Amino acid sequence: MVRQPLTPEQIEAGRRLGALLRHARAERDLADVAHAAGISPETLRKIETGRLPSPGFGTIVCLGEALNVPMQDLAAIWRGNPHPLEAAS
């Protein structure tokens, strides 16, 4: 199966999501958060920097749990809705 290229809107949504996750991680060690979420530190780094703009649903669920960020907040950022954490970054 061939994957369709991401649209500019999807790429921007991934950047917003990465910024929120980076802000939520704050001073926590990237490797510790990645381990808690069951992903590699490199995968988390790519998500946070927007180089992986469309991570898997399970990955986002696990990151939300590891960072104590509710799924509805993650979804709101993806859709482009304002969020208090986004304003702080």
N, C-alpha and C. Protein backbone atom coordinates (compact mmCIF):
# COMPACT_ATOMS: atom_id res chain seq x y z
N MET A 1 0.84 -1.16 0.00
CA MET A 1 0.00 0.00 0.00
C MET A 1 0.90 1.24 0.00
N VAL A 2 0.57 2.19 -0.84
CA VAL A 2 1.33 3.42 -0.94
C VAL A 2 0.69 4.47 -0.03
N ARG A 3 1.51 5.11 0.76
CA ARG A 3 1.01 6.14 1.66
C ARG A 3 0.98 7.48 0.93
N GLN A 4 -0.14 8.17 1.06
CA GLN A 4 -0.29 9.47 0.43
C GLN A 4 0.60 10.49 1.15
N PRO A 5 1.19 11.43 0.42
CA PRO A 5 1.99 12.47 1.08
C PRO A 5 1.11 13.30 2.01
N LEU A 6 1.72 13.77 3.08
CA LEU A 6 0.98 14.62 4.02
C LEU A 6 0.73 15.98 3.40
N THR A 7 -0.40 16.56 3.75
CA THR A 7 -0.72 17.90 3.28
C THR A 7 0.04 18.92 4.14
N PRO A 8 0.18 20.14 3.67
CA PRO A 8 0.81 21.17 4.50
C PRO A 8 0.08 21.36 5.84
N GLU A 9 -1.23 21.21 5.83
CA GLU A 9 -2.00 21.34 7.07
C GLU A 9 -1.65 20.22 8.06
N GLN A 10 -1.47 19.00 7.56
CA GLN A 10 -1.11 17.89 8.42
C GLN A 10 0.31 18.07 8.98
N ILE A 11 1.20 18.58 8.17
CA ILE A 11 2.56 18.84 8.63
C ILE A 11 2.56 19.89 9.73
N GLU A 12 1.79 20.95 9.54
CA GLU A 12 1.69 21.99 10.56
C GLU A 12 1.04 21.46 11.83
N ALA A 13 0.03 20.61 11.70
CA ALA A 13 -0.59 19.99 12.88
C ALA A 13 0.43 19.17 13.65
N GLY A 14 1.29 18.46 12.95
CA GLY A 14 2.35 17.68 13.60
C GLY A 14 3.33 18.57 14.34
N ARG A 15 3.63 19.72 13.77
CA ARG A 15 4.52 20.68 14.45
C ARG A 15 3.88 21.21 15.73
N ARG A 16 2.58 21.52 15.66
CA ARG A 16 1.89 22.00 16.87
C ARG A 16 1.88 20.92 17.94
N LEU A 17 1.60 19.70 17.53
CA LEU A 17 1.57 18.58 18.47
C LEU A 17 2.94 18.40 19.11
N GLY A 18 3.98 18.42 18.29
CA GLY A 18 5.35 18.28 18.82
C GLY A 18 5.71 19.37 19.80
N ALA A 19 5.31 20.60 19.50
CA ALA A 19 5.59 21.72 20.40
C ALA A 19 4.87 21.54 21.74
N LEU A 20 3.63 21.07 21.70
CA LEU A 20 2.89 20.83 22.94
C LEU A 20 3.57 19.74 23.76
N LEU A 21 3.97 18.67 23.12
CA LEU A 21 4.62 17.58 23.84
C LEU A 21 5.96 18.04 24.42
N ARG A 22 6.72 18.80 23.67
CA ARG A 22 8.00 19.32 24.15
C ARG A 22 7.76 20.22 25.38
N HIS A 23 6.74 21.08 25.30
CA HIS A 23 6.42 21.96 26.42
C HIS A 23 5.97 21.15 27.63
N ALA A 24 5.15 20.13 27.41
CA ALA A 24 4.67 19.29 28.52
C ALA A 24 5.82 18.52 29.16
N ARG A 25 6.79 18.12 28.37
CA ARG A 25 7.94 17.39 28.91
C ARG A 25 8.78 18.30 29.79
N ALA A 26 8.84 19.58 29.45
CA ALA A 26 9.57 20.59 30.22
C ALA A 26 10.99 20.14 30.50
N GLU A 27 11.32 20.01 31.76
CA GLU A 27 12.68 19.66 32.17
C GLU A 27 12.91 18.15 32.32
N ARG A 28 11.86 17.38 32.07
CA ARG A 28 12.03 15.92 32.17
C ARG A 28 12.97 15.44 31.09
N ASP A 29 13.76 14.46 31.41
CA ASP A 29 14.71 13.90 30.45
C ASP A 29 13.98 13.23 29.30
N LEU A 30 14.39 13.54 28.09
CA LEU A 30 13.75 12.99 26.89
C LEU A 30 13.76 11.46 26.92
N ALA A 31 14.88 10.86 27.29
CA ALA A 31 14.98 9.40 27.31
C ALA A 31 14.03 8.79 28.34
N ASP A 32 13.87 9.46 29.49
CA ASP A 32 12.96 8.95 30.51
C ASP A 32 11.51 8.97 30.02
N VAL A 33 11.11 10.05 29.38
CA VAL A 33 9.74 10.16 28.86
C VAL A 33 9.53 9.14 27.74
N ALA A 34 10.50 9.02 26.86
CA ALA A 34 10.38 8.04 25.76
C ALA A 34 10.22 6.63 26.33
N HIS A 35 11.04 6.30 27.31
CA HIS A 35 10.96 4.97 27.92
C HIS A 35 9.58 4.76 28.55
N ALA A 36 9.08 5.77 29.26
CA ALA A 36 7.76 5.66 29.90
C ALA A 36 6.66 5.45 28.87
N ALA A 37 6.84 6.02 27.68
CA ALA A 37 5.84 5.89 26.62
C ALA A 37 6.07 4.66 25.75
N GLY A 38 7.17 3.97 25.96
CA GLY A 38 7.44 2.75 25.18
C GLY A 38 7.95 3.03 23.78
N ILE A 39 8.61 4.18 23.59
CA ILE A 39 9.18 4.51 22.28
C ILE A 39 10.65 4.85 22.46
N SER A 40 11.35 4.96 21.35
CA SER A 40 12.76 5.31 21.42
C SER A 40 12.92 6.81 21.63
N PRO A 41 14.02 7.22 22.26
CA PRO A 41 14.28 8.65 22.38
C PRO A 41 14.33 9.36 21.02
N GLU A 42 14.86 8.69 20.02
CA GLU A 42 14.93 9.31 18.69
C GLU A 42 13.54 9.54 18.12
N THR A 43 12.63 8.61 18.36
CA THR A 43 11.25 8.82 17.89
C THR A 43 10.63 10.02 18.58
N LEU A 44 10.80 10.13 19.89
CA LEU A 44 10.27 11.28 20.61
C LEU A 44 10.91 12.57 20.10
N ARG A 45 12.20 12.56 19.87
CA ARG A 45 12.89 13.74 19.35
C ARG A 45 12.30 14.16 18.00
N LYS A 46 12.04 13.18 17.15
CA LYS A 46 11.46 13.48 15.83
C LYS A 46 10.05 14.05 15.94
N ILE A 47 9.26 13.51 16.86
CA ILE A 47 7.90 14.02 17.06
C ILE A 47 7.97 15.45 17.57
N GLU A 48 8.79 15.69 18.58
CA GLU A 48 8.87 17.03 19.17
C GLU A 48 9.36 18.09 18.20
N THR A 49 10.23 17.71 17.28
CA THR A 49 10.77 18.69 16.33
C THR A 49 9.96 18.79 15.05
N GLY A 50 8.92 17.97 14.92
CA GLY A 50 8.09 18.03 13.72
C GLY A 50 8.62 17.22 12.56
N ARG A 51 9.71 16.48 12.76
CA ARG A 51 10.25 15.64 11.69
C ARG A 51 9.44 14.37 11.51
N LEU A 52 8.60 14.06 12.47
CA LEU A 52 7.66 12.93 12.38
C LEU A 52 6.28 13.51 12.65
N PRO A 53 5.69 14.17 11.63
CA PRO A 53 4.47 14.93 11.86
C PRO A 53 3.20 14.09 12.01
N SER A 54 3.28 12.81 11.72
CA SER A 54 2.08 11.99 11.78
C SER A 54 2.37 10.69 12.53
N PRO A 55 2.65 10.79 13.85
CA PRO A 55 2.93 9.57 14.61
C PRO A 55 1.68 8.72 14.78
N GLY A 56 1.89 7.46 15.09
CA GLY A 56 0.78 6.54 15.29
C GLY A 56 -0.09 6.92 16.48
N PHE A 57 -1.35 6.55 16.39
CA PHE A 57 -2.30 6.86 17.46
C PHE A 57 -1.83 6.30 18.80
N GLY A 58 -1.39 5.06 18.81
CA GLY A 58 -0.93 4.44 20.06
C GLY A 58 0.25 5.18 20.66
N THR A 59 1.12 5.68 19.82
CA THR A 59 2.27 6.45 20.29
C THR A 59 1.81 7.72 20.99
N ILE A 60 0.84 8.39 20.40
CA ILE A 60 0.33 9.63 21.00
C ILE A 60 -0.40 9.33 22.30
N VAL A 61 -1.16 8.25 22.34
CA VAL A 61 -1.85 7.87 23.58
C VAL A 61 -0.82 7.64 24.68
N CYS A 62 0.22 6.89 24.39
CA CYS A 62 1.24 6.58 25.40
C CYS A 62 2.00 7.83 25.82
N LEU A 63 2.30 8.72 24.89
CA LEU A 63 2.97 9.97 25.25
C LEU A 63 2.07 10.85 26.13
N GLY A 64 0.80 10.92 25.77
CA GLY A 64 -0.14 11.68 26.59
C GLY A 64 -0.19 11.15 28.01
N GLU A 65 -0.21 9.83 28.16
CA GLU A 65 -0.22 9.23 29.49
C GLU A 65 1.08 9.52 30.24
N ALA A 66 2.21 9.37 29.55
CA ALA A 66 3.52 9.58 30.19
C ALA A 66 3.69 11.03 30.62
N LEU A 67 3.09 11.95 29.89
CA LEU A 67 3.24 13.38 30.18
C LEU A 67 2.04 13.97 30.92
N ASN A 68 1.05 13.13 31.20
CA ASN A 68 -0.17 13.57 31.88
C ASN A 68 -0.89 14.68 31.09
N VAL A 69 -0.97 14.49 29.78
CA VAL A 69 -1.69 15.42 28.89
C VAL A 69 -2.93 14.68 28.39
N PRO A 70 -4.12 15.19 28.69
CA PRO A 70 -5.35 14.51 28.25
C PRO A 70 -5.45 14.42 26.72
N MET A 71 -6.04 13.34 26.27
CA MET A 71 -6.20 13.14 24.82
C MET A 71 -6.97 14.29 24.17
N GLN A 72 -7.95 14.85 24.86
CA GLN A 72 -8.72 15.94 24.27
C GLN A 72 -7.84 17.15 24.02
N ASP A 73 -6.82 17.38 24.86
CA ASP A 73 -5.88 18.48 24.63
C ASP A 73 -5.01 18.20 23.42
N LEU A 74 -4.56 16.96 23.30
CA LEU A 74 -3.74 16.59 22.14
C LEU A 74 -4.56 16.73 20.86
N ALA A 75 -5.80 16.30 20.90
CA ALA A 75 -6.67 16.40 19.73
C ALA A 75 -6.94 17.86 19.38
N ALA A 76 -7.15 18.71 20.39
CA ALA A 76 -7.41 20.12 20.14
C ALA A 76 -6.23 20.78 19.45
N ILE A 77 -5.03 20.46 19.89
CA ILE A 77 -3.83 21.02 19.25
C ILE A 77 -3.75 20.55 17.81
N TRP A 78 -4.01 19.28 17.57
CA TRP A 78 -3.95 18.73 16.22
C TRP A 78 -4.93 19.48 15.29
N ARG A 79 -6.11 19.77 15.83
CA ARG A 79 -7.13 20.47 15.03
C ARG A 79 -6.85 21.96 14.90
N GLY A 80 -5.91 22.48 15.67
CA GLY A 80 -5.58 23.90 15.58
C GLY A 80 -6.34 24.77 16.54
N ASN A 81 -7.03 24.16 17.50
CA ASN A 81 -7.76 24.94 18.50
C ASN A 81 -6.79 25.50 19.53
N PRO A 82 -7.04 26.69 20.02
CA PRO A 82 -6.16 27.28 21.04
C PRO A 82 -6.12 26.41 22.29
N HIS A 83 -5.00 26.44 22.95
CA HIS A 83 -4.80 25.65 24.15
C HIS A 83 -3.86 26.41 25.08
N PRO A 84 -4.09 26.39 26.38
CA PRO A 84 -3.25 27.14 27.30
C PRO A 84 -1.76 26.78 27.22
N LEU A 85 -1.42 25.51 27.04
CA LEU A 85 -0.02 25.14 26.96
C LEU A 85 0.63 25.72 25.70
N GLU A 86 -0.11 25.81 24.62
CA GLU A 86 0.44 26.34 23.39
C GLU A 86 0.80 27.82 23.56
N ALA A 87 -0.02 28.56 24.26
CA ALA A 87 0.24 29.99 24.47
C ALA A 87 1.48 30.21 25.31
N ALA A 88 1.81 29.24 26.17
CA ALA A 88 2.95 29.39 27.05
C ALA A 88 4.28 29.11 26.35
N SER A 89 4.25 28.49 25.18
CA SER A 89 5.51 28.15 24.51
C SER A 89 5.99 29.23 23.59
